[in-house]
PDB file of N, CA and C in Angstrom:
ATOM      1  N   UNK A   1     107.498 -64.139 211.044  1.00  0.00           N
ATOM      2  CA  UNK A   1     108.401 -64.524 210.378  1.00  0.00           C
ATOM      3  C   UNK A   1     108.550 -66.112 209.864  1.00  0.00           C
ATOM      4  N   UNK A   2     108.101 -66.907 210.946  1.00  0.00           N
ATOM      5  CA  UNK A   2     108.125 -67.878 210.586  1.00  0.00           C
ATOM      6  C   UNK A   2     107.184 -68.505 209.792  1.00  0.00           C
ATOM      7  N   UNK A   3     105.703 -68.044 209.780  1.00  0.00           N
ATOM      8  CA  UNK A   3     104.832 -68.158 208.654  1.00  0.00           C
ATOM      9  C   UNK A   3     105.175 -67.925 207.464  1.00  0.00           C
ATOM     10  N   UNK A   4     106.020 -66.908 207.482  1.00  0.00           N
ATOM     11  CA  UNK A   4     106.253 -66.122 205.698  1.00  0.00           C
ATOM     12  C   UNK A   4     107.119 -67.386 205.271  1.00  0.00           C
ATOM     13  N   UNK A   5     107.447 -67.964 205.586  1.00  0.00           N
ATOM     14  CA  UNK A   5     108.993 -68.985 205.317  1.00  0.00           C
ATOM     15  C   UNK A   5     108.179 -70.092 204.829  1.00  0.00           C
ATOM     16  N   UNK A   6     107.020 -70.047 205.446  1.00  0.00           N
ATOM     17  CA  UNK A   6     105.904 -71.425 205.198  1.00  0.00           C
ATOM     18  C   UNK A   6     105.355 -71.506 204.069  1.00  0.00           C
ATOM     19  N   UNK A   7     104.863 -70.116 203.800  1.00  0.00           N
ATOM     20  CA  UNK A   7     104.660 -69.777 202.724  1.00  0.00           C
ATOM     21  C   UNK A   7     105.447 -70.189 201.445  1.00  0.00           C
ATOM     22  N   UNK A   8     106.431 -69.777 201.627  1.00  0.00           N
ATOM     23  CA  UNK A   8     107.400 -69.890 200.159  1.00  0.00           C
ATOM     24  C   UNK A   8     107.934 -70.679 199.802  1.00  0.00           C
ATOM     25  N   UNK A   9     107.488 -72.056 201.141  1.00  0.00           N
ATOM     26  CA  UNK A   9     108.519 -73.223 201.014  1.00  0.00           C
ATOM     27  C   UNK A   9     108.119 -73.848 200.229  1.00  0.00           C
ATOM     28  N   UNK A  10     107.602 -73.584 199.187  1.00  0.00           N
ATOM     29  CA  UNK A  10     107.568 -74.937 198.278  1.00  0.00           C
ATOM     30  C   UNK A  10     107.354 -73.932 196.949  1.00  0.00           C
ATOM     31  N   UNK A  11     108.262 -72.716 197.223  1.00  0.00           N
ATOM     32  CA  UNK A  11     108.216 -71.879 195.482  1.00  0.00           C
ATOM     33  C   UNK A  11     109.408 -72.430 194.883  1.00  0.00           C
ATOM     34  N   UNK A  12     109.377 -72.471 193.451  1.00  0.00           N
ATOM     35  CA  UNK A  12     110.140 -72.986 192.512  1.00  0.00           C
ATOM     36  C   UNK A  12     109.781 -74.841 191.907  1.00  0.00           C
ATOM     37  N   UNK A  13     108.631 -74.830 193.089  1.00  0.00           N
ATOM     38  CA  UNK A  13     108.306 -76.309 192.414  1.00  0.00           C
ATOM     39  C   UNK A  13     106.828 -76.436 191.433  1.00  0.00           C
ATOM     40  N   UNK A  14     107.531 -76.728 190.614  1.00  0.00           N
ATOM     41  CA  UNK A  14     106.310 -76.404 189.353  1.00  0.00           C
ATOM     42  C   UNK A  14     106.185 -77.264 188.973  1.00  0.00           C
ATOM     43  N   UNK A  15     104.770 -77.850 188.549  1.00  0.00           N
ATOM     44  CA  UNK A  15     104.452 -79.153 187.783  1.00  0.00           C
ATOM     45  C   UNK A  15     103.280 -78.789 187.284  1.00  0.00           C
ATOM     46  N   UNK A  16     103.380 -79.085 186.054  1.00  0.00           N
ATOM     47  CA  UNK A  16     102.462 -79.136 184.612  1.00  0.00           C
ATOM     48  C   UNK A  16     101.484 -79.653 184.909  1.00  0.00           C
ATOM     49  N   UNK A  17     100.392 -78.823 184.532  1.00  0.00           N
ATOM     50  CA  UNK A  17      98.638 -79.355 184.537  1.00  0.00           C
ATOM     51  C   UNK A  17      98.514 -79.268 183.185  1.00  0.00           C
ATOM     52  N   UNK A  18      99.785 -79.695 182.315  1.00  0.00           N
ATOM     53  CA  UNK A  18      98.745 -80.157 180.853  1.00  0.00           C
ATOM     54  C   UNK A  18      98.365 -81.461 181.061  1.00  0.00           C
ATOM     55  N   UNK A  19      98.565 -82.370 181.461  1.00  0.00           N
ATOM     56  CA  UNK A  19      97.571 -83.766 181.381  1.00  0.00           C
ATOM     57  C   UNK A  19      96.367 -83.910 182.303  1.00  0.00           C
ATOM     58  N   UNK A  20      96.382 -82.997 183.299  1.00  0.00           N
ATOM     59  CA  UNK A  20      94.890 -82.297 184.062  1.00  0.00           C
ATOM     60  C   UNK A  20      93.699 -81.346 182.877  1.00  0.00           C
ATOM     61  N   UNK A  21      95.024 -80.906 182.274  1.00  0.00           N
ATOM     62  CA  UNK A  21      94.062 -80.383 181.193  1.00  0.00           C
ATOM     63  C   UNK A  21      93.212 -81.189 179.872  1.00  0.00           C
ATOM     64  N   UNK A  22      94.144 -81.909 179.642  1.00  0.00           N
ATOM     65  CA  UNK A  22      93.329 -82.976 178.591  1.00  0.00           C
ATOM     66  C   UNK A  22      92.462 -84.140 178.994  1.00  0.00           C
ATOM     67  N   UNK A  23      92.636 -84.539 180.267  1.00  0.00           N
ATOM     68  CA  UNK A  23      91.598 -84.647 181.024  1.00  0.00           C
ATOM     69  C   UNK A  23      90.292 -84.281 180.997  1.00  0.00           C
ATOM     70  N   UNK A  24      90.811 -82.859 180.971  1.00  0.00           N
ATOM     71  CA  UNK A  24      89.760 -82.181 181.535  1.00  0.00           C
ATOM     72  C   UNK A  24      88.701 -81.848 180.094  1.00  0.00           C
ATOM     73  N   UNK A  25      89.473 -81.786 178.939  1.00  0.00           N
ATOM     74  CA  UNK A  25      88.474 -81.477 178.140  1.00  0.00           C
ATOM     75  C   UNK A  25      88.011 -82.553 177.501  1.00  0.00           C
ATOM     76  N   UNK A  26      88.648 -83.992 177.462  1.00  0.00           N
ATOM     77  CA  UNK A  26      87.756 -84.975 177.132  1.00  0.00           C
ATOM     78  C   UNK A  26      86.959 -85.355 177.823  1.00  0.00           C
ATOM     79  N   UNK A  27      86.969 -84.974 179.123  1.00  0.00           N
ATOM     80  CA  UNK A  27      85.381 -84.895 180.161  1.00  0.00           C
ATOM     81  C   UNK A  27      84.660 -84.490 180.075  1.00  0.00           C
ATOM     82  N   UNK A  28      84.811 -83.287 179.060  1.00  0.00           N
ATOM     83  CA  UNK A  28      84.072 -82.014 178.627  1.00  0.00           C
ATOM     84  C   UNK A  28      83.139 -82.955 177.730  1.00  0.00           C
ATOM     85  N   UNK A  29      84.212 -82.980 176.246  1.00  0.00           N
ATOM     86  CA  UNK A  29      83.552 -83.730 175.160  1.00  0.00           C
ATOM     87  C   UNK A  29      82.300 -84.749 175.769  1.00  0.00           C
ATOM     88  N   UNK A  30      82.739 -85.971 176.408  1.00  0.00           N
ATOM     89  CA  UNK A  30      82.143 -87.050 177.114  1.00  0.00           C
ATOM     90  C   UNK A  30      81.040 -86.217 177.751  1.00  0.00           C
ATOM     91  N   UNK A  31      81.252 -85.570 178.335  1.00  0.00           N
ATOM     92  CA  UNK A  31      79.704 -84.688 179.373  1.00  0.00           C
ATOM     93  C   UNK A  31      79.089 -84.139 177.822  1.00  0.00           C
ATOM     94  N   UNK A  32      79.139 -83.538 176.960  1.00  0.00           N
ATOM     95  CA  UNK A  32      78.546 -83.031 175.828  1.00  0.00           C
ATOM     96  C   UNK A  32      77.720 -84.163 175.272  1.00  0.00           C
ATOM     97  N   UNK A  33      78.453 -85.009 174.771  1.00  0.00           N
ATOM     98  CA  UNK A  33      78.075 -86.172 173.838  1.00  0.00           C
ATOM     99  C   UNK A  33      77.328 -86.300 174.664  1.00  0.00           C
ATOM    100  N   UNK A  34      76.870 -86.900 175.894  1.00  0.00           N
ATOM    101  CA  UNK A  34      76.085 -87.732 176.913  1.00  0.00           C
ATOM    102  C   UNK A  34      74.471 -86.538 176.935  1.00  0.00           C
ATOM    103  N   UNK A  35      74.855 -85.434 177.415  1.00  0.00           N
ATOM    104  CA  UNK A  35      74.038 -84.137 177.601  1.00  0.00           C
ATOM    105  C   UNK A  35      73.160 -84.485 176.120  1.00  0.00           C
ATOM    106  N   UNK A  36      73.106 -84.716 174.827  1.00  0.00           N
ATOM    107  CA  UNK A  36      73.239 -84.265 173.627  1.00  0.00           C
ATOM    108  C   UNK A  36      72.122 -85.928 173.438  1.00  0.00           C
ATOM    109  N   UNK A  37      72.855 -86.712 173.954  1.00  0.00           N
ATOM    110  CA  UNK A  37      72.100 -88.242 173.076  1.00  0.00           C
ATOM    111  C   UNK A  37      70.909 -87.939 174.283  1.00  0.00           C
ATOM    112  N   UNK A  38      71.059 -87.594 175.779  1.00  0.00           N
ATOM    113  CA  UNK A  38      69.885 -87.569 176.705  1.00  0.00           C
ATOM    114  C   UNK A  38      68.714 -86.384 176.035  1.00  0.00           C
ATOM    115  N   UNK A  39      69.215 -85.402 175.490  1.00  0.00           N
ATOM    116  CA  UNK A  39      68.176 -84.412 175.519  1.00  0.00           C
ATOM    117  C   UNK A  39      67.742 -85.046 173.922  1.00  0.00           C
ATOM    118  N   UNK A  40      68.082 -85.354 173.242  1.00  0.00           N
ATOM    119  CA  UNK A  40      67.515 -86.371 172.000  1.00  0.00           C
ATOM    120  C   UNK A  40      66.570 -87.666 172.163  1.00  0.00           C
ATOM    121  N   UNK A  41      66.929 -87.978 173.389  1.00  0.00           N
ATOM    122  CA  UNK A  41      66.018 -89.137 173.971  1.00  0.00           C
ATOM    123  C   UNK A  41      64.715 -88.699 174.912  1.00  0.00           C
ATOM    124  N   UNK A  42      64.657 -87.644 175.636  1.00  0.00           N
ATOM    125  CA  UNK A  42      64.035 -86.546 176.747  1.00  0.00           C
ATOM    126  C   UNK A  42      62.773 -86.039 175.574  1.00  0.00           C
ATOM    127  N   UNK A  43      63.526 -85.858 174.192  1.00  0.00           N
ATOM    128  CA  UNK A  43      62.663 -84.999 173.571  1.00  0.00           C
ATOM    129  C   UNK A  43      61.113 -85.600 172.952  1.00  0.00           C
ATOM    130  N   UNK A  44      60.074 -84.714 173.040  1.00  0.00           N
ATOM    131  CA  UNK A  44      58.806 -85.444 172.912  1.00  0.00           C
ATOM    132  C   UNK A  44      58.822 -85.792 171.419  1.00  0.00           C
ATOM    133  N   UNK A  45      59.202 -87.128 171.022  1.00  0.00           N
ATOM    134  CA  UNK A  45      59.201 -87.612 169.588  1.00  0.00           C
ATOM    135  C   UNK A  45      58.516 -89.189 169.972  1.00  0.00           C
ATOM    136  N   UNK A  46      58.251 -89.911 168.935  1.00  0.00           N
ATOM    137  CA  UNK A  46      57.215 -90.783 169.152  1.00  0.00           C
ATOM    138  C   UNK A  46      58.981 -92.031 168.755  1.00  0.00           C
ATOM    139  N   UNK A  47      58.687 -93.175 169.052  1.00  0.00           N
ATOM    140  CA  UNK A  47      59.891 -93.888 168.968  1.00  0.00           C
ATOM    141  C   UNK A  47      60.361 -93.831 167.715  1.00  0.00           C
ATOM    142  N   UNK A  48      59.390 -94.575 166.625  1.00  0.00           N
ATOM    143  CA  UNK A  48      59.788 -94.445 165.409  1.00  0.00           C
ATOM    144  C   UNK A  48      60.180 -93.104 165.091  1.00  0.00           C
ATOM    145  N   UNK A  49      59.637 -91.963 165.095  1.00  0.00           N
ATOM    146  CA  UNK A  49      60.773 -90.284 164.673  1.00  0.00           C
ATOM    147  C   UNK A  49      62.167 -90.237 165.178  1.00  0.00           C
ATOM    148  N   UNK A  50      62.116 -90.591 166.554  1.00  0.00           N
ATOM    149  CA  UNK A  50      62.992 -90.797 167.436  1.00  0.00           C
ATOM    150  C   UNK A  50      64.237 -92.137 166.344  1.00  0.00           C
ATOM    151  N   UNK A  51      63.830 -93.132 166.552  1.00  0.00           N
ATOM    152  CA  UNK A  51      65.324 -93.735 165.502  1.00  0.00           C
ATOM    153  C   UNK A  51      65.456 -93.214 164.196  1.00  0.00           C
ATOM    154  N   UNK A  52      64.401 -92.997 163.302  1.00  0.00           N
ATOM    155  CA  UNK A  52      64.727 -92.076 162.260  1.00  0.00           C
ATOM    156  C   UNK A  52      65.396 -90.810 162.454  1.00  0.00           C
ATOM    157  N   UNK A  53      65.456 -90.078 162.915  1.00  0.00           N
ATOM    158  CA  UNK A  53      66.343 -89.003 163.424  1.00  0.00           C
ATOM    159  C   UNK A  53      67.497 -89.559 163.395  1.00  0.00           C
ATOM    160  N   UNK A  54      67.643 -90.709 165.017  1.00  0.00           N
ATOM    161  CA  UNK A  54      69.384 -90.823 164.861  1.00  0.00           C
ATOM    162  C   UNK A  54      69.666 -91.417 164.022  1.00  0.00           C
ATOM    163  N   UNK A  55      69.014 -92.128 163.208  1.00  0.00           N
ATOM    164  CA  UNK A  55      69.992 -92.926 161.719  1.00  0.00           C
ATOM    165  C   UNK A  55      70.192 -91.956 160.741  1.00  0.00           C
ATOM    166  N   UNK A  56      69.258 -90.816 160.622  1.00  0.00           N
ATOM    167  CA  UNK A  56      69.869 -89.950 159.776  1.00  0.00           C
ATOM    168  C   UNK A  56      71.350 -88.995 160.296  1.00  0.00           C
ATOM    169  N   UNK A  57      71.231 -88.805 161.176  1.00  0.00           N
ATOM    170  CA  UNK A  57      72.281 -88.189 162.624  1.00  0.00           C
ATOM    171  C   UNK A  57      73.439 -89.297 161.803  1.00  0.00           C
ATOM    172  N   UNK A  58      73.274 -90.134 162.267  1.00  0.00           N
ATOM    173  CA  UNK A  58      74.211 -91.091 162.260  1.00  0.00           C
ATOM    174  C   UNK A  58      74.971 -90.864 161.000  1.00  0.00           C
ATOM    175  N   UNK A  59      73.966 -91.255 159.960  1.00  0.00           N
ATOM    176  CA  UNK A  59      74.238 -91.454 158.650  1.00  0.00           C
ATOM    177  C   UNK A  59      75.508 -90.206 157.996  1.00  0.00           C
ATOM    178  N   UNK A  60      74.667 -88.456 158.661  1.00  0.00           N
ATOM    179  CA  UNK A  60      75.671 -87.406 158.323  1.00  0.00           C
ATOM    180  C   UNK A  60      76.927 -87.384 158.732  1.00  0.00           C
ATOM    181  N   UNK A  61      77.250 -88.324 159.661  1.00  0.00           N
ATOM    182  CA  UNK A  61      77.946 -88.331 160.470  1.00  0.00           C
ATOM    183  C   UNK A  61      79.250 -88.874 159.840  1.00  0.00           C
ATOM    184  N   UNK A  62      78.632 -90.203 159.647  1.00  0.00           N
ATOM    185  CA  UNK A  62      79.260 -91.284 158.943  1.00  0.00           C
ATOM    186  C   UNK A  62      79.845 -90.418 157.358  1.00  0.00           C
ATOM    187  N   UNK A  63      79.262 -89.749 156.698  1.00  0.00           N
ATOM    188  CA  UNK A  63      79.336 -89.240 155.482  1.00  0.00           C
ATOM    189  C   UNK A  63      80.311 -88.002 155.660  1.00  0.00           C
ATOM    190  N   UNK A  64      80.333 -87.328 156.795  1.00  0.00           N
ATOM    191  CA  UNK A  64      81.051 -86.239 157.243  1.00  0.00           C
ATOM    192  C   UNK A  64      82.728 -86.888 157.085  1.00  0.00           C
ATOM    193  N   UNK A  65      82.550 -87.891 157.860  1.00  0.00           N
ATOM    194  CA  UNK A  65      83.550 -88.218 158.834  1.00  0.00           C
ATOM    195  C   UNK A  65      84.665 -89.429 157.099  1.00  0.00           C
ATOM    196  N   UNK A  66      83.629 -89.856 156.109  1.00  0.00           N
ATOM    197  CA  UNK A  66      83.899 -90.275 155.004  1.00  0.00           C
ATOM    198  C   UNK A  66      84.473 -89.112 154.430  1.00  0.00           C
ATOM    199  N   UNK A  67      84.497 -87.776 154.112  1.00  0.00           N
ATOM    200  CA  UNK A  67      84.718 -86.726 153.252  1.00  0.00           C
ATOM    201  C   UNK A  67      86.184 -86.429 153.714  1.00  0.00           C
ATOM    202  N   UNK A  68      85.856 -86.324 155.085  1.00  0.00           N
ATOM    203  CA  UNK A  68      87.265 -85.593 156.054  1.00  0.00           C
ATOM    204  C   UNK A  68      88.063 -86.697 155.519  1.00  0.00           C
ATOM    205  N   UNK A  69      88.037 -88.348 155.914  1.00  0.00           N
ATOM    206  CA  UNK A  69      89.314 -88.894 155.644  1.00  0.00           C
ATOM    207  C   UNK A  69      89.236 -88.830 154.143  1.00  0.00           C
ATOM    208  N   UNK A  70      88.325 -88.881 152.517  1.00  0.00           N
ATOM    209  CA  UNK A  70      88.815 -88.300 151.619  1.00  0.00           C
ATOM    210  C   UNK A  70      89.826 -87.169 151.602  1.00  0.00           C
ATOM    211  N   UNK A  71      89.761 -86.043 151.570  1.00  0.00           N
ATOM    212  CA  UNK A  71      90.929 -84.734 151.981  1.00  0.00           C
ATOM    213  C   UNK A  71      92.021 -85.227 152.220  1.00  0.00           C
ATOM    214  N   UNK A  72      91.551 -85.803 153.333  1.00  0.00           N
ATOM    215  CA  UNK A  72      93.390 -86.317 154.114  1.00  0.00           C
ATOM    216  C   UNK A  72      93.758 -87.025 153.638  1.00  0.00           C
ATOM    217  N   UNK A  73      93.323 -88.215 152.392  1.00  0.00           N
ATOM    218  CA  UNK A  73      94.413 -88.584 151.656  1.00  0.00           C
ATOM    219  C   UNK A  73      94.306 -87.971 150.797  1.00  0.00           C
ATOM    220  N   UNK A  74      94.123 -87.015 150.243  1.00  0.00           N
ATOM    221  CA  UNK A  74      94.304 -86.369 149.384  1.00  0.00           C
ATOM    222  C   UNK A  74      95.161 -85.384 149.515  1.00  0.00           C
ATOM    223  N   UNK A  75      95.639 -85.298 150.756  1.00  0.00           N
ATOM    224  CA  UNK A  75      96.574 -84.137 151.348  1.00  0.00           C
ATOM    225  C   UNK A  75      97.900 -85.216 151.578  1.00  0.00           C
ATOM    226  N   UNK A  76      97.615 -86.535 152.053  1.00  0.00           N
ATOM    227  CA  UNK A  76      98.787 -87.127 151.897  1.00  0.00           C
ATOM    228  C   UNK A  76      99.518 -87.276 150.850  1.00  0.00           C
ATOM    229  N   UNK A  77      98.760 -87.987 149.678  1.00  0.00           N
ATOM    230  CA  UNK A  77      99.502 -87.844 148.153  1.00  0.00           C
ATOM    231  C   UNK A  77      99.999 -86.494 147.721  1.00  0.00           C
ATOM    232  N   UNK A  78      99.223 -85.552 147.753  1.00  0.00           N
ATOM    233  CA  UNK A  78      99.863 -84.105 147.928  1.00  0.00           C
ATOM    234  C   UNK A  78     101.481 -84.302 148.274  1.00  0.00           C
ATOM    235  N   UNK A  79     101.137 -84.173 149.384  1.00  0.00           N
ATOM    236  CA  UNK A  79     102.293 -83.941 150.323  1.00  0.00           C
ATOM    237  C   UNK A  79     103.427 -84.660 149.930  1.00  0.00           C
ATOM    238  N   UNK A  80     103.653 -86.094 149.453  1.00  0.00           N
ATOM    239  CA  UNK A  80     104.204 -87.106 149.105  1.00  0.00           C
ATOM    240  C   UNK A  80     104.610 -86.727 147.683  1.00  0.00           C
ATOM    241  N   UNK A  81     103.850 -86.579 147.145  1.00  0.00           N
ATOM    242  CA  UNK A  81     104.099 -85.933 145.702  1.00  0.00           C
ATOM    243  C   UNK A  81     105.334 -84.886 145.297  1.00  0.00           C
ATOM    244  N   UNK A  82     105.029 -83.500 146.359  1.00  0.00           N
ATOM    245  CA  UNK A  82     105.526 -82.424 146.519  1.00  0.00           C
ATOM    246  C   UNK A  82     107.090 -82.995 147.298  1.00  0.00           C
ATOM    247  N   UNK A  83     106.989 -84.223 148.417  1.00  0.00           N
ATOM    248  CA  UNK A  83     108.745 -84.827 149.152  1.00  0.00           C
ATOM    249  C   UNK A  83     109.357 -85.003 147.701  1.00  0.00           C
ATOM    250  N   UNK A  84     108.846 -86.006 147.097  1.00  0.00           N
ATOM    251  CA  UNK A  84     109.012 -86.920 145.445  1.00  0.00           C
ATOM    252  C   UNK A  84     109.700 -85.322 144.512  1.00  0.00           C
ATOM    253  N   UNK A  85     109.101 -84.953 144.894  1.00  0.00           N
ATOM    254  CA  UNK A  85     109.765 -83.743 144.010  1.00  0.00           C
ATOM    255  C   UNK A  85     111.202 -82.818 144.594  1.00  0.00           C
ATOM    256  N   UNK A  86     110.548 -82.501 145.790  1.00  0.00           N
ATOM    257  CA  UNK A  86     111.980 -82.433 145.965  1.00  0.00           C
ATOM    258  C   UNK A  86     113.036 -82.678 146.021  1.00  0.00           C
ATOM    259  N   UNK A  87     112.971 -83.984 146.595  1.00  0.00           N
ATOM    260  CA  UNK A  87     113.997 -85.231 146.602  1.00  0.00           C
ATOM    261  C   UNK A  87     114.862 -85.178 145.572  1.00  0.00           C
ATOM    262  N   UNK A  88     113.892 -85.078 143.877  1.00  0.00           N
ATOM    263  CA  UNK A  88     114.191 -85.220 142.905  1.00  0.00           C
ATOM    264  C   UNK A  88     115.459 -84.186 142.459  1.00  0.00           C
ATOM    265  N   UNK A  89     114.688 -82.913 143.362  1.00  0.00           N
ATOM    266  CA  UNK A  89     115.359 -81.750 143.156  1.00  0.00           C
ATOM    267  C   UNK A  89     116.870 -81.468 143.894  1.00  0.00           C
ATOM    268  N   UNK A  90     116.712 -82.474 145.078  1.00  0.00           N
ATOM    269  CA  UNK A  90     118.106 -81.672 146.035  1.00  0.00           C
ATOM    270  C   UNK A  90     118.800 -83.009 145.799  1.00  0.00           C
ATOM    271  N   UNK A  91     118.886 -84.148 144.908  1.00  0.00           N
ATOM    272  CA  UNK A  91     119.742 -85.250 145.014  1.00  0.00           C
ATOM    273  C   UNK A  91     120.965 -84.573 143.988  1.00  0.00           C
ATOM    274  N   UNK A  92     120.892 -84.240 143.059  1.00  0.00           N
ATOM    275  CA  UNK A  92     121.988 -83.681 142.187  1.00  0.00           C
ATOM    276  C   UNK A  92     122.804 -82.711 142.828  1.00  0.00           C
ATOM    277  N   UNK A  93     122.064 -82.071 143.946  1.00  0.00           N
ATOM    278  CA  UNK A  93     122.573 -80.748 144.287  1.00  0.00           C
ATOM    279  C   UNK A  93     123.495 -81.590 145.790  1.00  0.00           C
ATOM    280  N   UNK A  94     122.922 -82.803 146.006  1.00  0.00           N
ATOM    281  CA  UNK A  94     123.727 -83.510 146.883  1.00  0.00           C
ATOM    282  C   UNK A  94     124.912 -83.854 147.042  1.00  0.00           C
ATOM    283  N   UNK A  95     124.723 -84.585 145.336  1.00  0.00           N
ATOM    284  CA  UNK A  95     126.051 -84.806 144.914  1.00  0.00           C
ATOM    285  C   UNK A  95     127.071 -84.217 144.888  1.00  0.00           C
ATOM    286  N   UNK A  96     127.110 -83.255 144.445  1.00  0.00           N
ATOM    287  CA  UNK A  96     127.472 -82.099 144.071  1.00  0.00           C
ATOM    288  C   UNK A  96     128.760 -81.318 145.412  1.00  0.00           C
ATOM    289  N   UNK A  97     128.050 -81.030 146.506  1.00  0.00           N
ATOM    290  CA  UNK A  97     128.464 -81.300 147.885  1.00  0.00           C
ATOM    291  C   UNK A  97     128.810 -82.425 148.725  1.00  0.00           C
ATOM    292  N   UNK A  98     129.035 -84.059 147.990  1.00  0.00           N
ATOM    293  CA  UNK A  98     129.822 -84.354 148.637  1.00  0.00           C
ATOM    294  C   UNK A  98     131.130 -84.668 148.135  1.00  0.00           C
ATOM    295  N   UNK A  99     131.203 -84.100 147.060  1.00  0.00           N
ATOM    296  CA  UNK A  99     132.699 -84.016 146.018  1.00  0.00           C
ATOM    297  C   UNK A  99     133.922 -83.524 146.690  1.00  0.00           C
TER     298      UNK A  99
END
Protein backbone atom coordinates (compact mmCIF):
# COMPACT_ATOMS: atom_id res chain seq x y z
CA UNK A 1 0.00 0.00 0.00
CA UNK A 2 2.84 2.39 0.77
CA UNK A 3 4.44 1.64 -2.59
CA UNK A 4 1.22 2.62 -4.33
CA UNK A 5 1.19 6.00 -2.60
CA UNK A 6 4.77 6.56 -3.72
CA UNK A 7 3.76 5.76 -7.29
CA UNK A 8 1.24 8.57 -7.32
CA UNK A 9 3.22 11.03 -5.22
CA UNK A 10 4.04 13.13 -8.30
CA UNK A 11 0.48 13.06 -9.62
CA UNK A 12 -0.72 16.50 -10.55
CA UNK A 13 2.76 17.81 -11.25
CA UNK A 14 2.77 18.50 -14.97
CA UNK A 15 5.70 20.09 -16.65
CA UNK A 16 5.47 21.32 -20.20
CA UNK A 17 8.09 20.00 -22.58
CA UNK A 18 7.61 22.64 -25.30
CA UNK A 19 11.07 24.08 -24.66
CA UNK A 20 12.66 20.67 -24.98
CA UNK A 21 10.70 20.00 -28.15
CA UNK A 22 11.91 23.15 -29.88
CA UNK A 23 15.49 22.45 -28.83
CA UNK A 24 15.08 18.93 -30.17
CA UNK A 25 13.87 20.17 -33.55
CA UNK A 26 16.69 22.71 -33.71
CA UNK A 27 19.25 20.00 -32.99
CA UNK A 28 17.61 17.76 -35.61
CA UNK A 29 17.96 20.43 -38.29
CA UNK A 30 21.54 21.20 -37.28
CA UNK A 31 22.34 17.50 -37.49
CA UNK A 32 20.70 17.22 -40.90
CA UNK A 33 22.66 20.20 -42.18
CA UNK A 34 25.95 18.83 -40.85
CA UNK A 35 25.19 15.44 -42.36
CA UNK A 36 24.44 16.98 -45.74
CA UNK A 37 27.64 19.03 -45.69
CA UNK A 38 29.67 16.00 -44.65
CA UNK A 39 28.12 13.92 -47.43
CA UNK A 40 29.00 16.60 -49.96
CA UNK A 41 32.57 16.82 -48.76
CA UNK A 42 33.08 13.06 -48.75
CA UNK A 43 31.54 12.61 -52.20
CA UNK A 44 34.01 11.40 -54.86
CA UNK A 45 34.51 14.72 -56.67
CA UNK A 46 37.55 16.82 -57.26
CA UNK A 47 38.04 19.98 -55.27
CA UNK A 48 37.21 22.18 -58.25
CA UNK A 49 33.97 20.27 -58.95
CA UNK A 50 33.01 20.38 -55.28
CA UNK A 51 33.60 24.14 -55.01
CA UNK A 52 31.59 24.68 -58.18
CA UNK A 53 28.74 22.56 -56.84
CA UNK A 54 28.78 24.29 -53.47
CA UNK A 55 28.84 27.72 -55.13
CA UNK A 56 25.82 26.80 -57.30
CA UNK A 57 23.90 25.43 -54.32
CA UNK A 58 24.67 28.56 -52.33
CA UNK A 59 23.54 30.84 -55.14
CA UNK A 60 20.36 28.79 -55.64
CA UNK A 61 19.56 29.00 -51.92
CA UNK A 62 20.26 32.73 -51.92
CA UNK A 63 17.98 33.26 -54.93
CA UNK A 64 15.25 31.23 -53.25
CA UNK A 65 15.54 33.32 -50.09
CA UNK A 66 15.39 36.52 -52.16
CA UNK A 67 12.22 35.25 -53.84
CA UNK A 68 10.66 34.42 -50.48
CA UNK A 69 11.63 37.85 -49.17
CA UNK A 70 10.03 39.54 -52.19
CA UNK A 71 6.82 37.53 -51.75
CA UNK A 72 6.68 38.36 -48.04
CA UNK A 73 7.19 42.03 -48.82
CA UNK A 74 4.35 41.92 -51.35
CA UNK A 75 2.07 40.24 -48.82
CA UNK A 76 2.92 42.86 -46.20
CA UNK A 77 2.14 45.64 -48.67
CA UNK A 78 -1.19 44.04 -49.62
CA UNK A 79 -2.05 43.53 -45.97
CA UNK A 80 -1.34 47.14 -45.08
CA UNK A 81 -3.41 48.28 -48.09
CA UNK A 82 -6.32 46.13 -46.92
CA UNK A 83 -5.95 47.49 -43.38
CA UNK A 84 -5.98 51.07 -44.66
CA UNK A 85 -9.13 50.38 -46.71
CA UNK A 86 -10.81 48.77 -43.72
CA UNK A 87 -9.93 51.72 -41.48
CA UNK A 88 -11.29 54.19 -44.00
CA UNK A 89 -14.57 52.25 -44.19
CA UNK A 90 -14.90 51.79 -40.45
CA UNK A 91 -13.98 55.38 -39.48
CA UNK A 92 -17.36 56.89 -40.51
CA UNK A 93 -19.22 54.11 -38.71
CA UNK A 94 -17.18 54.67 -35.56
CA UNK A 95 -18.13 58.37 -35.56
CA UNK A 96 -21.82 57.41 -35.66
CA UNK A 97 -21.43 55.19 -32.60
CA UNK A 98 -19.70 57.89 -30.56
CA UNK A 99 -22.71 60.22 -30.73
